[in-house]
Protein backbone atom coordinates (compact mmCIF):
# COMPACT_ATOMS: atom_id res chain seq x y z
CA LEU A 1 8.87 -122.84 -143.33
CA VAL A 2 10.48 -125.68 -145.27
CA VAL A 3 8.14 -127.85 -143.07
CA LEU A 4 4.76 -125.10 -144.18
CA PHE A 5 5.40 -125.21 -147.91
CA SER A 6 6.56 -128.58 -148.64
CA THR A 7 3.25 -130.37 -146.15
CA THR A 8 0.82 -127.42 -147.40
CA ALA A 9 1.74 -126.73 -150.68
CA LEU A 10 1.16 -122.93 -150.02
CA ARG A 11 2.25 -120.72 -152.36
CA LEU A 12 4.96 -117.81 -151.18
CA SER A 13 2.75 -114.81 -150.93
CA GLU A 14 -0.07 -116.99 -149.16
CA VAL A 15 2.93 -118.05 -146.15
CA CYS A 16 3.98 -114.73 -145.94
CA GLY A 17 -0.02 -113.49 -145.64
CA LEU A 18 -0.77 -116.27 -142.72
CA LYS A 19 -2.38 -114.74 -139.85
CA LEU A 20 -2.70 -116.48 -136.47
CA SER A 21 -6.60 -116.58 -136.83
CA SER A 22 -5.98 -118.55 -139.71
CA LEU A 23 -4.65 -121.42 -138.55
CA ASN A 24 -6.99 -124.40 -137.44
CA PHE A 25 -5.02 -126.55 -134.59
CA ASN A 26 -6.60 -129.90 -134.07
CA GLU A 27 -5.82 -133.67 -133.05
CA ASP A 28 -8.56 -134.35 -135.68
CA LEU A 29 -6.73 -134.07 -139.11
CA ARG A 30 -9.67 -133.72 -140.73
CA LYS A 31 -10.56 -130.57 -138.66
CA ALA A 32 -7.17 -129.22 -138.98
CA THR A 33 -6.78 -126.36 -141.81
CA ILE A 34 -5.48 -123.47 -143.50
CA THR A 35 -7.65 -120.81 -144.59
CA VAL A 36 -5.61 -118.81 -146.90
CA ILE A 37 -6.37 -115.90 -149.60
CA GLY A 38 -4.78 -117.11 -152.90
CA LYS A 39 -4.30 -115.77 -156.62
CA GLY A 40 -7.06 -113.10 -157.31
CA GLY A 41 -8.19 -112.58 -153.54
CA LYS A 42 -9.90 -116.00 -153.64
CA GLU A 43 -10.22 -118.30 -149.86
CA ARG A 44 -9.72 -121.79 -149.81
CA VAL A 45 -8.98 -124.31 -147.43
CA VAL A 46 -5.95 -126.67 -147.24
CA PRO A 47 -4.76 -129.10 -144.86
CA PHE A 48 -2.84 -128.53 -141.78
CA PRO A 49 -0.98 -131.37 -141.25
CA LYS A 50 0.54 -132.80 -137.45
CA LEU A 51 3.89 -132.21 -138.66
CA ALA A 52 3.34 -128.56 -139.48
CA GLN A 53 1.28 -128.20 -136.89
CA GLN A 54 3.88 -128.79 -134.45
CA TYR A 55 6.32 -127.13 -136.24
CA ILE A 56 4.28 -123.40 -136.17
CA GLN A 57 3.31 -124.17 -132.47
CA GLU A 58 7.21 -124.38 -131.44
CA TYR A 59 7.46 -121.50 -133.42
CA LEU A 60 4.92 -119.18 -131.33
CA SER A 61 6.68 -120.64 -128.49
CA LEU A 62 10.16 -119.32 -128.99
CA ARG A 63 9.40 -116.14 -131.38
CA PRO A 64 9.64 -112.70 -129.37
CA ASP A 65 6.91 -111.47 -127.81
CA GLN A 66 4.83 -109.14 -130.08
CA SER A 67 2.57 -107.66 -127.96
CA LYS A 68 3.56 -103.95 -128.63
CA GLN A 69 3.09 -104.27 -132.14
CA ALA A 70 -0.62 -102.67 -133.99
CA ASP A 71 -3.25 -103.95 -133.45
CA LYS A 72 -4.10 -104.71 -137.18
CA ASP A 73 -0.80 -106.54 -136.88
CA LYS A 74 -0.94 -109.00 -133.91
CA ASP A 75 -2.48 -111.35 -135.46
CA THR A 76 -0.06 -112.15 -138.66
CA LEU A 77 1.75 -115.25 -137.73
CA PHE A 78 5.35 -114.68 -139.62
CA TRP A 79 7.45 -111.61 -138.67
CA VAL A 80 11.09 -109.68 -139.92
CA HIS A 81 14.04 -108.48 -137.82
CA SER A 82 15.32 -105.26 -139.34
CA PRO A 83 18.29 -103.85 -137.31
CA ARG A 84 16.90 -100.60 -138.70
CA TYR A 85 12.78 -101.14 -138.14
CA GLY A 86 12.60 -103.87 -135.60
CA TYR A 87 10.32 -106.74 -135.61
CA THR A 88 8.10 -106.02 -138.85
CA THR A 89 5.54 -108.04 -140.99
CA LEU A 90 7.04 -109.71 -144.16
CA LYS A 91 4.24 -107.90 -146.65
């Protein structure tokens, strides 16, 4: 999360709402982007630096399987674990 914040200048609300489908991993940094819904519901596209791509890929390889979650939530990037509720989305 720290690398994602520091390399992309995303707002907290934008990071919490990130979807896997909004991440465009690419070796060509001109094509590596993140599409976010910002203030006022406006969509914006920000660069997705190589370092941030590497850490997100590592995170995805280590996070628990979310296949049992509702279809609408499967695209959510970040999950939190609550002893009471299990894995849930940040929003």
